[in-house]
Every structure is written in C-alpha cells, then in structure tokens.
Amino acid sequence: MDREKESVILIESKGKVRFPEVFLGRYHTHLYCHSGSMAFVFNNKPYVCKAGEFVFWFADSKLADLTYSKNFKSTVLLVEKEFLFENIPDQSRGIDATLHSKEYPVLHLNDKKDKHRILSNFQLLYDKSQQKKHLFYNEVLKFQMRLFILEMWDIFANEIEHRKRTVQSGTLYERFVQLVQEHCKKEREVRFYAQQLHITPKYLNYICKTTSGITASEWIQRYVRERLELLLQNTQLNIAEIADNMGFSSRSFFTRYVKKVLGVTPSEYRNRLR
C-alpha cells in the first residue's frame, strides 16, 4: 500500500517513529506516548512528551531535533490536512483549539479514560478509512472524521479550562496572554486587557516588554493575525461573514484592518491561496 496516498495513516512504534517522507507537508500529527519519552523543537520552542501524554502537531509546523528514549513506545495517527479541515464541525471552536495547540502541543491526560478515548478514536477513524468498498464510503468517513474532532475537542476543552484556572493565580503577564487568547477575535485594544487586569495600558505594555521582549499591542496583533489567517483559509466562509465574526462594523473597515495586519486585502490573501 502506498501510504503517501492515504488520507489517514496509523503507526504503532517502538523507538524511533518512521514517519512518511515530508509528512508535515501533508498531514496533521496526533501522537499518544505509551512509555519512555520524546524530545522535539516545535515552532522554535523545546518540548518533551512523556508516558501518558498526547502530542498534536499541525501540518506545515516547524518541527526539528526529534529524539527518542530507548523505551519509547507510541501510537501515531496522521490525518491529511485538507480532509481534516474540510470536516471541522464548528469553525469558532476549531480556531480556539488551533491556537491552543500551537501554544501547547503537549497535552497531559489527567483522566485515565482519556487514553482509552484517544486510542479508540484513532482506531475507529483508521478502520473507516480502510473500508473502501463500503457503499457510502465517503459519507461514512467524513462522519467519523467529525466525531473524531469532537472527541478531541472535548479532551482539549478540559485541558484549556484547567489551564485557565491555573493561570488565574499566575503572573499579570500570564493572565494577559490567556485573556488575549480568549478575546482577541473582537477585542484588539490594549485598554480592554488593562481594564480586565486593573492596571494602566502603559504598565501592561511595560510588563509585556520586560517579560517577553514585545509590547502588549504586538502580542494582540500576533494572535489576531493567526485568527485572520485561519478564517481566510476557510473558503466556506465569505469575507462579509468573517468580518462579522470578528466584530467589524463594515467590510471596508475590515479590509483596511486586514491590509494593515497581513499586508494584503482579504481578497488578495485568498487569491494567493489559490
């Protein structure tokens, strides 16, 4: 079987994972670690995945320096990026999950039941992808893909809520970043976040600059840029719908804002995708 042509690939590994060639160019990666550990650099940040943890890498991410312990064992599910994207049940939740996974690719599973859920859903999706003689193959596979995404979102949601509770008692900077992740779609001014934290905009910019090297406004723009790109890549939404989704009062205002953040208009951005 030519694995490069499969929309779903399941890999059971002991030691080094034998990924298909240039797999990140085509597949989103879901990995559950049974034992041992795996170290890697994801989007220029170092991470370690240990037994009982789950990893998600987006297609086209910057991944480097993969190393494995001798007793490393894992189950890996690769899903073709277009196939997964076309079957996202709710775009708003999809963006939240995307941004969270880019920031935190390693998920520690507190509930042992989640391990069973993940591995069971890996197998169910893979099995459906292999039933090519099924009379309703495409419909059944798409339905299973949506169920898989909903199951994973439920697990992610528990982790996001846990992280929110942890961050609430964290530093002002950590609380600011969490607030931006939650509200940047419609709140793009430093003043809003400063009010939530009960400090001045000037002091918030100072905290961000000294902690991370960039200002609060730059952080907000980074997260807004990611949301804009994800929404514009979804061709099921027209530009007016995206503008409304992000709280812009008019399409012309939205177009000017996108031009400022991305350097091109929404239409130009979509033309480049084609």
C-alpha atoms as a PDB file:
ATOM      1  CA  MET A   1       0.000   0.000   0.000  1.00  0.00           C
ATOM      2  CA  ASP A   2       1.274   3.494  -0.886  1.00  0.00           C
ATOM      3  CA  ARG A   3       0.930   5.327   2.430  1.00  0.00           C
ATOM      4  CA  GLU A   4       1.585   8.699   0.792  1.00  0.00           C
ATOM      5  CA  LYS A   5      -1.824   8.485  -0.915  1.00  0.00           C
ATOM      6  CA  GLU A   6      -3.805   7.630   2.230  1.00  0.00           C
ATOM      7  CA  SER A   7      -5.961  10.271   3.940  1.00  0.00           C
ATOM      8  CA  VAL A   8      -5.481   8.532   7.316  1.00  0.00           C
ATOM      9  CA  ILE A   9      -2.385   6.610   8.477  1.00  0.00           C
ATOM     10  CA  LEU A  10      -1.977   4.679  11.747  1.00  0.00           C
ATOM     11  CA  ILE A  11       1.533   3.887  13.046  1.00  0.00           C
ATOM     12  CA  GLU A  12       2.484   1.737  16.034  1.00  0.00           C
ATOM     13  CA  SER A  13       6.082   2.463  17.002  1.00  0.00           C
ATOM     14  CA  LYS A  14       8.781   1.201  19.327  1.00  0.00           C
ATOM     15  CA  GLY A  15      11.711   3.558  19.447  1.00  0.00           C
ATOM     16  CA  LYS A  16      12.022   5.970  16.528  1.00  0.00           C
ATOM     17  CA  VAL A  17       8.779   6.730  14.677  1.00  0.00           C
ATOM     18  CA  ARG A  18       9.062   6.004  10.958  1.00  0.00           C
ATOM     19  CA  PHE A  19       7.071   8.901   9.564  1.00  0.00           C
ATOM     20  CA  PRO A  20       6.318   9.076   5.827  1.00  0.00           C
ATOM     21  CA  GLU A  21       8.686  11.358   3.912  1.00  0.00           C
ATOM     22  CA  VAL A  22       7.923  15.084   4.407  1.00  0.00           C
ATOM     23  CA  PHE A  23       4.831  14.073   6.392  1.00  0.00           C
ATOM     24  CA  LEU A  24       4.337  17.534   7.915  1.00  0.00           C
ATOM     25  CA  GLY A  25       3.727  18.974   4.468  1.00  0.00           C
ATOM     26  CA  ARG A  26       0.570  16.913   4.124  1.00  0.00           C
ATOM     27  CA  TYR A  27      -0.583  15.573   7.499  1.00  0.00           C
ATOM     28  CA  HIS A  28      -1.662  16.752  10.938  1.00  0.00           C
ATOM     29  CA  THR A  29       0.007  14.509  13.536  1.00  0.00           C
ATOM     30  CA  HIS A  30      -1.665  13.012  16.630  1.00  0.00           C
ATOM     31  CA  LEU A  31       0.664  11.023  18.905  1.00  0.00           C
ATOM     32  CA  TYR A  32      -0.010   9.175  22.157  1.00  0.00           C
ATOM     33  CA  CYS A  33       3.055   8.158  24.215  1.00  0.00           C
ATOM     34  CA  HIS A  34       2.699   4.766  25.975  1.00  0.00           C
ATOM     35  CA  SER A  35       6.161   4.691  27.560  1.00  0.00           C
ATOM     36  CA  GLY A  36       9.512   6.453  27.531  1.00  0.00           C
ATOM     37  CA  SER A  37       9.847   9.986  26.222  1.00  0.00           C
ATOM     38  CA  MET A  38      10.297  12.034  23.064  1.00  0.00           C
ATOM     39  CA  ALA A  39      12.012  15.433  22.849  1.00  0.00           C
ATOM     40  CA  PHE A  40      11.474  17.887  19.993  1.00  0.00           C
ATOM     41  CA  VAL A  41      11.577  21.536  18.962  1.00  0.00           C
ATOM     42  CA  PHE A  42       8.184  22.851  17.812  1.00  0.00           C
ATOM     43  CA  ASN A  43       7.892  26.326  16.274  1.00  0.00           C
ATOM     44  CA  ASN A  44      11.337  27.121  17.713  1.00  0.00           C
ATOM     45  CA  LYS A  45      10.451  26.048  21.291  1.00  0.00           C
ATOM     46  CA  PRO A  46      11.744  22.852  23.016  1.00  0.00           C
ATOM     47  CA  TYR A  47       9.279  20.294  24.419  1.00  0.00           C
ATOM     48  CA  VAL A  48       9.322  16.813  25.960  1.00  0.00           C
ATOM     49  CA  CYS A  49       6.477  14.297  25.706  1.00  0.00           C
ATOM     50  CA  LYS A  50       6.381  11.574  28.371  1.00  0.00           C
ATOM     51  CA  ALA A  51       4.311   8.447  29.008  1.00  0.00           C
ATOM     52  CA  GLY A  52       0.613   9.235  29.323  1.00  0.00           C
ATOM     53  CA  GLU A  53       0.860  12.419  27.279  1.00  0.00           C
ATOM     54  CA  PHE A  54      -0.595  13.367  23.909  1.00  0.00           C
ATOM     55  CA  VAL A  55       1.055  15.476  21.201  1.00  0.00           C
ATOM     56  CA  PHE A  56      -0.560  17.342  18.319  1.00  0.00           C
ATOM     57  CA  TRP A  57       1.481  18.890  15.506  1.00  0.00           C
ATOM     58  CA  PHE A  58      -0.170  20.916  12.777  1.00  0.00           C
ATOM     59  CA  ALA A  59       0.803  20.336   9.175  1.00  0.00           C
ATOM     60  CA  ASP A  60       3.413  22.866   7.996  1.00  0.00           C
ATOM     61  CA  SER A  61       4.647  23.474  11.549  1.00  0.00           C
ATOM     62  CA  LYS A  62       8.352  23.969  12.205  1.00  0.00           C
ATOM     63  CA  LEU A  63       9.469  20.661  13.739  1.00  0.00           C
ATOM     64  CA  ALA A  64      13.100  19.787  14.456  1.00  0.00           C
ATOM     65  CA  ASP A  65      15.515  17.793  16.632  1.00  0.00           C
ATOM     66  CA  LEU A  66      13.297  14.746  17.265  1.00  0.00           C
ATOM     67  CA  THR A  67      14.942  12.369  19.731  1.00  0.00           C
ATOM     68  CA  TYR A  68      13.562   9.280  21.497  1.00  0.00           C
ATOM     69  CA  SER A  69      14.403   7.364  24.666  1.00  0.00           C
ATOM     70  CA  LYS A  70      15.248   3.666  24.247  1.00  0.00           C
ATOM     71  CA  ASN A  71      11.944   2.515  25.756  1.00  0.00           C
ATOM     72  CA  PHE A  72       9.812   4.965  23.761  1.00  0.00           C
ATOM     73  CA  LYS A  73       6.552   3.474  22.510  1.00  0.00           C
ATOM     74  CA  SER A  74       3.736   5.340  20.804  1.00  0.00           C
ATOM     75  CA  THR A  75       0.646   5.206  18.638  1.00  0.00           C
ATOM     76  CA  VAL A  76       0.527   7.827  15.878  1.00  0.00           C
ATOM     77  CA  LEU A  77      -2.391   8.928  13.732  1.00  0.00           C
ATOM     78  CA  LEU A  78      -1.740  11.077  10.662  1.00  0.00           C
ATOM     79  CA  VAL A  79      -4.699  12.862   9.061  1.00  0.00           C
ATOM     80  CA  GLU A  80      -4.457  14.634   5.727  1.00  0.00           C
ATOM     81  CA  LYS A  81      -4.697  18.369   6.403  1.00  0.00           C
ATOM     82  CA  GLU A  82      -7.347  19.179   3.753  1.00  0.00           C
ATOM     83  CA  PHE A  83      -9.509  16.239   4.826  1.00  0.00           C
ATOM     84  CA  LEU A  84      -9.460  17.305   8.477  1.00  0.00           C
ATOM     85  CA  PHE A  85     -10.029  20.984   7.698  1.00  0.00           C
ATOM     86  CA  GLU A  86     -12.997  20.279   5.406  1.00  0.00           C
ATOM     87  CA  ASN A  87     -14.761  18.368   8.200  1.00  0.00           C
ATOM     88  CA  ILE A  88     -14.406  20.738  11.138  1.00  0.00           C
ATOM     89  CA  PRO A  89     -17.909  20.889  12.703  1.00  0.00           C
ATOM     90  CA  ASP A  90     -17.605  24.377  14.258  1.00  0.00           C
ATOM     91  CA  GLN A  91     -15.107  26.911  12.914  1.00  0.00           C
ATOM     92  CA  SER A  92     -15.086  29.072  16.053  1.00  0.00           C
ATOM     93  CA  ARG A  93     -14.184  26.150  18.326  1.00  0.00           C
ATOM     94  CA  GLY A  94     -11.761  24.960  15.676  1.00  0.00           C
ATOM     95  CA  ILE A  95      -9.825  28.219  15.868  1.00  0.00           C
ATOM     96  CA  ASP A  96      -9.712  28.064  19.677  1.00  0.00           C
ATOM     97  CA  ALA A  97      -8.346  24.503  19.547  1.00  0.00           C
ATOM     98  CA  THR A  98      -5.843  25.501  16.850  1.00  0.00           C
ATOM     99  CA  LEU A  99      -4.433  28.434  18.801  1.00  0.00           C
ATOM    100  CA  HIS A 100      -4.231  26.385  22.000  1.00  0.00           C
ATOM    101  CA  SER A 101      -2.406  23.515  20.273  1.00  0.00           C
ATOM    102  CA  LYS A 102       0.095  25.878  18.646  1.00  0.00           C
ATOM    103  CA  GLU A 103       0.907  27.272  22.082  1.00  0.00           C
ATOM    104  CA  TYR A 104       0.739  23.951  23.985  1.00  0.00           C
ATOM    105  CA  PRO A 105       1.403  20.966  21.667  1.00  0.00           C
ATOM    106  CA  VAL A 106       1.854  18.523  24.577  1.00  0.00           C
ATOM    107  CA  LEU A 107      -1.292  17.588  26.499  1.00  0.00           C
ATOM    108  CA  HIS A 108      -1.055  15.774  29.837  1.00  0.00           C
ATOM    109  CA  LEU A 109      -4.050  13.495  30.337  1.00  0.00           C
ATOM    110  CA  ASN A 110      -5.294  13.727  33.921  1.00  0.00           C
ATOM    111  CA  ASP A 111      -8.156  11.278  33.336  1.00  0.00           C
ATOM    112  CA  LYS A 112      -7.123   7.679  32.513  1.00  0.00           C
ATOM    113  CA  LYS A 113     -10.324   7.334  30.489  1.00  0.00           C
ATOM    114  CA  ASP A 114      -8.943   9.883  28.022  1.00  0.00           C
ATOM    115  CA  LYS A 115      -6.208   7.432  26.989  1.00  0.00           C
ATOM    116  CA  HIS A 116      -8.835   4.883  26.002  1.00  0.00           C
ATOM    117  CA  ARG A 117     -10.878   7.543  24.218  1.00  0.00           C
ATOM    118  CA  ILE A 118      -7.914   8.744  22.186  1.00  0.00           C
ATOM    119  CA  LEU A 119      -6.682   5.304  21.136  1.00  0.00           C
ATOM    120  CA  SER A 120     -10.223   4.091  20.431  1.00  0.00           C
ATOM    121  CA  ASN A 121     -10.896   7.105  18.198  1.00  0.00           C
ATOM    122  CA  PHE A 122      -7.555   6.620  16.420  1.00  0.00           C
ATOM    123  CA  GLN A 123      -8.570   3.065  15.559  1.00  0.00           C
ATOM    124  CA  LEU A 124     -12.158   3.921  14.587  1.00  0.00           C
ATOM    125  CA  LEU A 125     -11.080   6.627  12.149  1.00  0.00           C
ATOM    126  CA  TYR A 126      -8.365   4.459  10.649  1.00  0.00           C
ATOM    127  CA  ASP A 127     -10.695   1.462  10.272  1.00  0.00           C
ATOM    128  CA  LYS A 128     -13.288   3.585   8.483  1.00  0.00           C
ATOM    129  CA  SER A 129     -10.614   4.920   6.130  1.00  0.00           C
ATOM    130  CA  GLN A 130      -9.790   1.337   5.103  1.00  0.00           C
ATOM    131  CA  GLN A 131     -13.372   0.276   4.315  1.00  0.00           C
ATOM    132  CA  LYS A 132     -13.127   1.490   0.722  1.00  0.00           C
ATOM    133  CA  LYS A 133     -15.701  -0.949  -0.610  1.00  0.00           C
ATOM    134  CA  HIS A 134     -18.388   0.467   1.677  1.00  0.00           C
ATOM    135  CA  LEU A 135     -21.313   1.673  -0.431  1.00  0.00           C
ATOM    136  CA  PHE A 136     -21.261   5.038   1.367  1.00  0.00           C
ATOM    137  CA  TYR A 137     -17.512   5.207   1.969  1.00  0.00           C
ATOM    138  CA  ASN A 138     -17.039   8.985   1.596  1.00  0.00           C
ATOM    139  CA  GLU A 139     -20.063   9.876   3.721  1.00  0.00           C
ATOM    140  CA  VAL A 140     -19.176   7.418   6.492  1.00  0.00           C
ATOM    141  CA  LEU A 141     -15.522   8.508   6.592  1.00  0.00           C
ATOM    142  CA  LYS A 142     -16.465  12.198   6.781  1.00  0.00           C
ATOM    143  CA  PHE A 143     -18.922  11.459   9.586  1.00  0.00           C
ATOM    144  CA  GLN A 144     -16.255   9.535  11.512  1.00  0.00           C
ATOM    145  CA  MET A 145     -13.784  12.394  10.989  1.00  0.00           C
ATOM    146  CA  ARG A 146     -16.242  14.846  12.550  1.00  0.00           C
ATOM    147  CA  LEU A 147     -16.855  12.523  15.506  1.00  0.00           C
ATOM    148  CA  PHE A 148     -13.097  12.217  15.982  1.00  0.00           C
ATOM    149  CA  ILE A 149     -12.671  16.016  16.007  1.00  0.00           C
ATOM    150  CA  LEU A 150     -15.500  16.483  18.525  1.00  0.00           C
ATOM    151  CA  GLU A 151     -13.993  13.851  20.825  1.00  0.00           C
ATOM    152  CA  MET A 152     -10.578  15.530  20.681  1.00  0.00           C
ATOM    153  CA  TRP A 153     -12.095  18.963  21.285  1.00  0.00           C
ATOM    154  CA  ASP A 154     -13.791  17.658  24.409  1.00  0.00           C
ATOM    155  CA  ILE A 155     -10.434  16.459  25.747  1.00  0.00           C
ATOM    156  CA  PHE A 156      -8.772  19.756  24.757  1.00  0.00           C
ATOM    157  CA  ALA A 157     -11.594  21.714  26.437  1.00  0.00           C
ATOM    158  CA  ASN A 158     -10.874  20.043  29.780  1.00  0.00           C
ATOM    159  CA  GLU A 159      -7.195  20.947  29.442  1.00  0.00           C
ATOM    160  CA  ILE A 160      -7.989  24.550  28.436  1.00  0.00           C
ATOM    161  CA  GLU A 161     -10.277  25.001  31.440  1.00  0.00           C
ATOM    162  CA  HIS A 162      -7.637  23.503  33.740  1.00  0.00           C
ATOM    163  CA  ARG A 163      -5.017  25.869  32.309  1.00  0.00           C
ATOM    164  CA  LYS A 164      -7.362  28.854  32.739  1.00  0.00           C
ATOM    165  CA  ARG A 165      -7.810  28.042  36.430  1.00  0.00           C
ATOM    166  CA  THR A 166      -4.043  27.718  36.842  1.00  0.00           C
ATOM    167  CA  VAL A 167      -3.300  30.962  35.023  1.00  0.00           C
ATOM    168  CA  GLN A 168      -5.810  32.932  37.104  1.00  0.00           C
ATOM    169  CA  SER A 169      -3.387  32.680  40.002  1.00  0.00           C
ATOM    170  CA  GLY A 170      -0.356  33.328  37.793  1.00  0.00           C
ATOM    171  CA  THR A 171       1.528  36.500  36.914  1.00  0.00           C
ATOM    172  CA  LEU A 172      -0.062  39.504  35.227  1.00  0.00           C
ATOM    173  CA  TYR A 173       1.745  38.573  32.032  1.00  0.00           C
ATOM    174  CA  GLU A 174       0.364  35.005  32.058  1.00  0.00           C
ATOM    175  CA  ARG A 175      -3.139  36.277  32.744  1.00  0.00           C
ATOM    176  CA  PHE A 176      -2.808  38.819  29.920  1.00  0.00           C
ATOM    177  CA  VAL A 177      -1.784  36.135  27.392  1.00  0.00           C
ATOM    178  CA  GLN A 178      -4.719  33.968  28.449  1.00  0.00           C
ATOM    179  CA  LEU A 179      -7.128  36.908  28.059  1.00  0.00           C
ATOM    180  CA  VAL A 180      -5.780  37.658  24.578  1.00  0.00           C
ATOM    181  CA  GLN A 181      -6.294  34.040  23.521  1.00  0.00           C
ATOM    182  CA  GLU A 182      -9.916  34.257  24.691  1.00  0.00           C
ATOM    183  CA  HIS A 183     -10.913  37.714  23.446  1.00  0.00           C
ATOM    184  CA  CYS A 184      -8.618  38.832  20.603  1.00  0.00           C
ATOM    185  CA  LYS A 185     -11.203  37.994  17.941  1.00  0.00           C
ATOM    186  CA  LYS A 186     -13.241  41.050  18.956  1.00  0.00           C
ATOM    187  CA  GLU A 187     -11.080  42.946  21.437  1.00  0.00           C
ATOM    188  CA  ARG A 188      -7.984  44.401  19.773  1.00  0.00           C
ATOM    189  CA  GLU A 189      -7.104  47.345  22.061  1.00  0.00           C
ATOM    190  CA  VAL A 190      -4.588  47.265  24.932  1.00  0.00           C
ATOM    191  CA  ARG A 191      -7.023  49.315  27.022  1.00  0.00           C
ATOM    192  CA  PHE A 192      -9.525  46.438  27.210  1.00  0.00           C
ATOM    193  CA  TYR A 193      -6.957  43.995  28.649  1.00  0.00           C
ATOM    194  CA  ALA A 194      -5.534  46.563  31.046  1.00  0.00           C
ATOM    195  CA  GLN A 195      -9.042  47.152  32.431  1.00  0.00           C
ATOM    196  CA  GLN A 196      -9.547  43.407  32.925  1.00  0.00           C
ATOM    197  CA  LEU A 197      -6.290  43.254  34.903  1.00  0.00           C
ATOM    198  CA  HIS A 198      -6.982  46.518  36.791  1.00  0.00           C
ATOM    199  CA  ILE A 199      -3.777  48.203  35.622  1.00  0.00           C
ATOM    200  CA  THR A 200      -2.953  51.009  33.165  1.00  0.00           C
ATOM    201  CA  PRO A 201      -2.242  50.298  29.456  1.00  0.00           C
ATOM    202  CA  LYS A 202       1.223  51.810  29.914  1.00  0.00           C
ATOM    203  CA  TYR A 203       2.041  49.416  32.761  1.00  0.00           C
ATOM    204  CA  LEU A 204       0.696  46.430  30.796  1.00  0.00           C
ATOM    205  CA  ASN A 205       2.960  47.302  27.871  1.00  0.00           C
ATOM    206  CA  TYR A 206       5.879  47.589  30.308  1.00  0.00           C
ATOM    207  CA  ILE A 207       5.156  44.141  31.819  1.00  0.00           C
ATOM    208  CA  CYS A 208       4.956  42.512  28.389  1.00  0.00           C
ATOM    209  CA  LYS A 209       8.086  44.240  27.106  1.00  0.00           C
ATOM    210  CA  THR A 210      10.214  43.264  30.102  1.00  0.00           C
ATOM    211  CA  THR A 211       8.866  39.681  30.229  1.00  0.00           C
ATOM    212  CA  SER A 212       8.756  38.742  26.551  1.00  0.00           C
ATOM    213  CA  GLY A 213      10.573  41.460  24.637  1.00  0.00           C
ATOM    214  CA  ILE A 214       7.469  42.669  22.786  1.00  0.00           C
ATOM    215  CA  THR A 215       4.643  45.016  23.782  1.00  0.00           C
ATOM    216  CA  ALA A 216       1.048  44.115  24.655  1.00  0.00           C
ATOM    217  CA  SER A 217      -0.218  45.591  21.363  1.00  0.00           C
ATOM    218  CA  GLU A 218       2.248  43.395  19.431  1.00  0.00           C
ATOM    219  CA  TRP A 219       1.022  40.305  21.301  1.00  0.00           C
ATOM    220  CA  ILE A 220      -2.589  41.174  20.468  1.00  0.00           C
ATOM    221  CA  GLN A 221      -1.732  41.650  16.801  1.00  0.00           C
ATOM    222  CA  ARG A 222       0.069  38.280  16.690  1.00  0.00           C
ATOM    223  CA  TYR A 223      -2.990  36.419  17.926  1.00  0.00           C
ATOM    224  CA  VAL A 224      -5.344  38.412  15.698  1.00  0.00           C
ATOM    225  CA  ARG A 225      -3.131  37.636  12.691  1.00  0.00           C
ATOM    226  CA  GLU A 226      -3.376  33.896  13.394  1.00  0.00           C
ATOM    227  CA  ARG A 227      -7.161  34.056  13.663  1.00  0.00           C
ATOM    228  CA  LEU A 228      -7.450  36.081  10.459  1.00  0.00           C
ATOM    229  CA  GLU A 229      -5.328  33.603   8.525  1.00  0.00           C
ATOM    230  CA  LEU A 230      -7.308  30.613   9.802  1.00  0.00           C
ATOM    231  CA  LEU A 231     -10.632  32.241   8.915  1.00  0.00           C
ATOM    232  CA  LEU A 232      -9.472  33.363   5.466  1.00  0.00           C
ATOM    233  CA  GLN A 233      -8.173  29.872   4.728  1.00  0.00           C
ATOM    234  CA  ASN A 234     -11.681  28.542   5.325  1.00  0.00           C
ATOM    235  CA  THR A 235     -13.280  29.114   1.918  1.00  0.00           C
ATOM    236  CA  GLN A 236     -16.658  28.007   3.273  1.00  0.00           C
ATOM    237  CA  LEU A 237     -16.924  31.488   4.837  1.00  0.00           C
ATOM    238  CA  ASN A 238     -17.225  34.577   2.670  1.00  0.00           C
ATOM    239  CA  ILE A 239     -15.389  37.764   3.591  1.00  0.00           C
ATOM    240  CA  ALA A 240     -18.513  39.503   4.924  1.00  0.00           C
ATOM    241  CA  GLU A 241     -19.136  36.566   7.292  1.00  0.00           C
ATOM    242  CA  ILE A 242     -15.553  36.718   8.561  1.00  0.00           C
ATOM    243  CA  ALA A 243     -15.799  40.479   9.150  1.00  0.00           C
ATOM    244  CA  ASP A 244     -18.995  39.940  11.145  1.00  0.00           C
ATOM    245  CA  ASN A 245     -17.428  37.009  13.051  1.00  0.00           C
ATOM    246  CA  MET A 246     -14.614  39.300  14.186  1.00  0.00           C
ATOM    247  CA  GLY A 247     -16.924  42.129  15.202  1.00  0.00           C
ATOM    248  CA  PHE A 248     -16.169  44.651  12.438  1.00  0.00           C
ATOM    249  CA  SER A 249     -18.979  47.100  11.712  1.00  0.00           C
ATOM    250  CA  SER A 250     -18.303  47.227   7.973  1.00  0.00           C
ATOM    251  CA  ARG A 251     -16.481  45.245   5.314  1.00  0.00           C
ATOM    252  CA  SER A 252     -14.436  48.277   4.261  1.00  0.00           C
ATOM    253  CA  PHE A 253     -13.131  48.731   7.829  1.00  0.00           C
ATOM    254  CA  PHE A 254     -12.326  45.023   7.957  1.00  0.00           C
ATOM    255  CA  THR A 255     -10.468  45.216   4.630  1.00  0.00           C
ATOM    256  CA  ARG A 256      -8.323  48.119   5.866  1.00  0.00           C
ATOM    257  CA  TYR A 257      -7.518  46.268   9.082  1.00  0.00           C
ATOM    258  CA  VAL A 258      -6.512  43.069   7.255  1.00  0.00           C
ATOM    259  CA  LYS A 259      -4.322  45.124   4.916  1.00  0.00           C
ATOM    260  CA  LYS A 260      -2.591  46.629   7.950  1.00  0.00           C
ATOM    261  CA  VAL A 261      -2.038  43.270   9.722  1.00  0.00           C
ATOM    262  CA  LEU A 262      -1.361  40.898   6.804  1.00  0.00           C
ATOM    263  CA  GLY A 263      -0.038  43.373   4.240  1.00  0.00           C
ATOM    264  CA  VAL A 264      -2.714  42.371   1.695  1.00  0.00           C
ATOM    265  CA  THR A 265      -6.501  42.689   1.432  1.00  0.00           C
ATOM    266  CA  PRO A 266      -8.726  39.677   2.266  1.00  0.00           C
ATOM    267  CA  SER A 267      -9.368  39.055  -1.464  1.00  0.00           C
ATOM    268  CA  GLU A 268      -5.662  39.244  -2.283  1.00  0.00           C
ATOM    269  CA  TYR A 269      -4.880  36.799   0.532  1.00  0.00           C
ATOM    270  CA  ARG A 270      -7.386  34.277  -0.845  1.00  0.00           C
ATOM    271  CA  ASN A 271      -6.105  34.713  -4.389  1.00  0.00           C
ATOM    272  CA  ARG A 272      -2.619  33.796  -3.156  1.00  0.00           C
ATOM    273  CA  LEU A 273      -4.012  30.596  -1.619  1.00  0.00           C
ATOM    274  CA  ARG A 274      -5.381  29.588  -4.996  1.00  0.00           C
END
